[in-house]
């Protein structure tokens, strides 16, 4: 029963894509994981702050940054889409597009999409310890694991990076 409190063993930073709910992807029940979902599963200071709470206050011992195939936000970033506030959201993914060498690339190419999404996961993982002394200290002490993975929406397979 979770009404008296919570003690999730892990936190997942994932995309808001309806095909990738972390609780279902990893066969978890309510209260087992913190689920942070945002278009393109990017990590920013607000998300980092939430993860500091999860680990330092609640005691969560693992963080997973989870990307996925066919991500609309990744496609939008590759295609340099501009649309209202979405433009600001997609700007958070531009570093992954650049790091993957996909500026001007064809987002219809599934390899390009994978490369950018996987790079976005890697950048998100690095951001957590680069921008949080709290998380970096927990990792250094061996109290926290930060990992990255990709979920294939076609077959459900999760590949850890």
Protein backbone atom coordinates (compact mmCIF):
# COMPACT_ATOMS: atom_id res chain seq x y z
CA UNK A 1 0.00 0.00 0.00
CA UNK A 2 1.39 3.39 -0.98
CA UNK A 3 -1.02 5.76 0.76
CA UNK A 4 1.24 6.08 3.82
CA UNK A 5 4.36 6.99 1.81
CA UNK A 6 6.60 6.06 -1.02
CA UNK A 7 9.93 4.36 -1.49
CA UNK A 8 10.61 3.97 -5.22
CA UNK A 9 13.80 2.04 -5.93
CA UNK A 10 14.40 3.88 -9.23
CA UNK A 11 13.57 7.01 -11.17
CA UNK A 12 13.05 7.04 -14.92
CA UNK A 13 13.41 10.16 -17.05
CA UNK A 14 11.41 9.26 -20.13
CA UNK A 15 9.50 10.79 -22.98
CA UNK A 16 5.86 11.74 -22.69
CA UNK A 17 5.14 9.50 -25.72
CA UNK A 18 2.06 7.45 -24.89
CA UNK A 19 3.76 4.29 -26.19
CA UNK A 20 6.50 4.39 -23.56
CA UNK A 21 5.03 4.46 -20.03
CA UNK A 22 7.93 3.38 -17.78
CA UNK A 23 5.69 1.51 -15.35
CA UNK A 24 4.47 -0.74 -18.15
CA UNK A 25 7.78 -0.99 -20.03
CA UNK A 26 9.46 -2.31 -16.86
CA UNK A 27 6.42 -4.16 -15.44
CA UNK A 28 6.30 -2.08 -12.25
CA UNK A 29 3.47 -1.29 -9.88
CA UNK A 30 2.39 2.06 -8.47
CA UNK A 31 4.98 3.28 -6.00
CA UNK A 32 7.92 1.34 -7.47
CA UNK A 33 9.44 4.08 -9.61
CA UNK A 34 9.46 7.83 -9.95
CA UNK A 35 8.38 8.58 -13.49
CA UNK A 36 9.48 11.90 -14.97
CA UNK A 37 8.11 12.38 -18.46
CA UNK A 38 8.82 15.20 -20.88
CA UNK A 39 8.85 15.41 -24.67
CA UNK A 40 12.26 14.18 -25.81
CA UNK A 41 13.28 12.96 -22.32
CA UNK A 42 15.79 15.81 -21.92
CA UNK A 43 17.26 16.73 -18.55
CA UNK A 44 17.06 20.32 -17.32
CA UNK A 45 17.54 21.94 -13.87
CA UNK A 46 13.93 21.28 -12.80
CA UNK A 47 14.24 17.60 -13.61
CA UNK A 48 17.64 17.41 -11.93
CA UNK A 49 16.13 19.00 -8.81
CA UNK A 50 13.37 16.41 -8.75
CA UNK A 51 15.95 13.66 -9.00
CA UNK A 52 17.96 15.19 -6.15
CA UNK A 53 14.78 14.95 -4.05
CA UNK A 54 14.18 11.37 -5.17
CA UNK A 55 17.68 10.24 -4.26
CA UNK A 56 18.73 12.42 -1.31
CA UNK A 57 15.36 12.60 0.47
CA UNK A 58 13.39 9.52 -0.57
CA UNK A 59 16.34 7.16 -1.05
CA UNK A 60 15.99 6.15 -4.68
CA UNK A 61 19.18 4.36 -5.74
CA UNK A 62 18.96 4.24 -9.54
CA UNK A 63 18.18 6.74 -12.29
CA UNK A 64 17.47 5.65 -15.85
CA UNK A 65 17.37 8.09 -18.75
CA UNK A 66 15.13 6.34 -21.28
CA UNK A 67 14.93 7.26 -24.94
CA UNK A 68 12.89 5.48 -27.59
CA UNK A 69 12.56 4.81 -31.29
CA UNK A 70 10.23 6.92 -33.37
CA UNK A 71 10.37 9.89 -30.99
CA UNK A 72 8.42 12.82 -32.39
CA UNK A 73 10.43 15.33 -30.38
CA UNK A 74 13.71 13.93 -31.70
CA UNK A 75 12.28 14.05 -35.22
CA UNK A 76 11.20 17.65 -34.65
CA UNK A 77 14.66 18.62 -33.41
CA UNK A 78 16.35 17.01 -36.42
CA UNK A 79 13.90 18.76 -38.76
CA UNK A 80 14.33 22.07 -36.88
CA UNK A 81 10.57 22.43 -36.37
CA UNK A 82 9.29 25.73 -35.03
CA UNK A 83 5.84 25.81 -33.44
CA UNK A 84 4.90 27.98 -30.48
CA UNK A 85 6.37 26.76 -27.19
CA UNK A 86 7.43 23.50 -28.83
CA UNK A 87 10.31 25.48 -30.35
CA UNK A 88 11.74 26.00 -26.85
CA UNK A 89 11.26 22.33 -25.98
CA UNK A 90 13.02 21.16 -29.13
CA UNK A 91 15.93 23.54 -28.49
CA UNK A 92 16.85 21.32 -25.53
CA UNK A 93 17.44 18.50 -28.03
CA UNK A 94 19.64 20.46 -30.42
CA UNK A 95 22.87 19.46 -28.61
CA UNK A 96 22.05 15.80 -29.29
CA UNK A 97 21.38 16.53 -32.97
CA UNK A 98 24.73 18.30 -33.19
CA UNK A 99 26.66 15.67 -31.20
CA UNK A 100 25.26 12.90 -33.41
CA UNK A 101 26.31 14.80 -36.55
CA UNK A 102 22.70 14.96 -37.69
CA UNK A 103 22.33 18.67 -38.50
CA UNK A 104 20.52 18.73 -41.84
CA UNK A 105 20.07 14.95 -41.78
CA UNK A 106 16.97 13.08 -42.93
CA UNK A 107 14.74 12.29 -39.95
CA UNK A 108 13.07 9.56 -42.02
CA UNK A 109 16.28 7.55 -41.61
CA UNK A 110 15.76 5.28 -38.59
CA UNK A 111 19.53 5.10 -38.00
CA UNK A 112 19.73 8.88 -37.72
CA UNK A 113 16.78 8.88 -35.34
CA UNK A 114 18.41 6.18 -33.17
CA UNK A 115 21.75 7.97 -33.14
CA UNK A 116 20.23 11.29 -32.03
CA UNK A 117 17.93 9.69 -29.45
CA UNK A 118 20.80 7.64 -28.00
CA UNK A 119 23.05 10.70 -27.90
CA UNK A 120 20.28 12.60 -26.13
CA UNK A 121 20.19 9.84 -23.50
CA UNK A 122 23.97 10.03 -23.05
CA UNK A 123 23.89 13.82 -22.73
CA UNK A 124 21.08 13.57 -20.19
CA UNK A 125 23.06 11.08 -18.11
CA UNK A 126 26.15 13.28 -18.15
CA UNK A 127 24.11 16.35 -17.28
CA UNK A 128 22.91 14.77 -14.06
CA UNK A 129 26.37 14.55 -12.52
CA UNK A 130 27.81 17.58 -14.33
CA UNK A 131 25.09 19.85 -12.96
CA UNK A 132 24.41 18.34 -9.54
CA UNK A 133 27.00 17.99 -6.82
CA UNK A 134 24.40 15.98 -4.87
CA UNK A 135 23.99 13.34 -7.57
CA UNK A 136 27.71 13.32 -8.41
CA UNK A 137 28.58 12.65 -4.77
CA UNK A 138 26.08 9.81 -4.54
CA UNK A 139 27.51 8.23 -7.70
CA UNK A 140 31.08 8.63 -6.40
CA UNK A 141 30.13 6.92 -3.12
CA UNK A 142 28.49 4.04 -4.99
CA UNK A 143 25.08 4.93 -3.55
CA UNK A 144 23.52 5.81 -6.92
CA UNK A 145 23.57 4.22 -10.36
CA UNK A 146 22.81 6.35 -13.40
CA UNK A 147 22.13 4.43 -16.60
CA UNK A 148 20.72 5.03 -20.06
CA UNK A 149 18.62 2.91 -22.35
CA UNK A 150 16.58 2.93 -25.53
CA UNK A 151 13.12 1.39 -25.87
CA UNK A 152 12.07 0.04 -29.25
CA UNK A 153 8.37 0.84 -29.65
CA UNK A 154 8.01 -1.78 -32.40
CA UNK A 155 9.03 -4.79 -30.33
CA UNK A 156 9.22 -3.59 -26.70
CA UNK A 157 12.93 -4.39 -26.38
CA UNK A 158 15.01 -2.22 -24.05
CA UNK A 159 18.68 -1.80 -24.96
CA UNK A 160 20.97 -0.40 -22.29
CA UNK A 161 23.60 1.99 -23.58
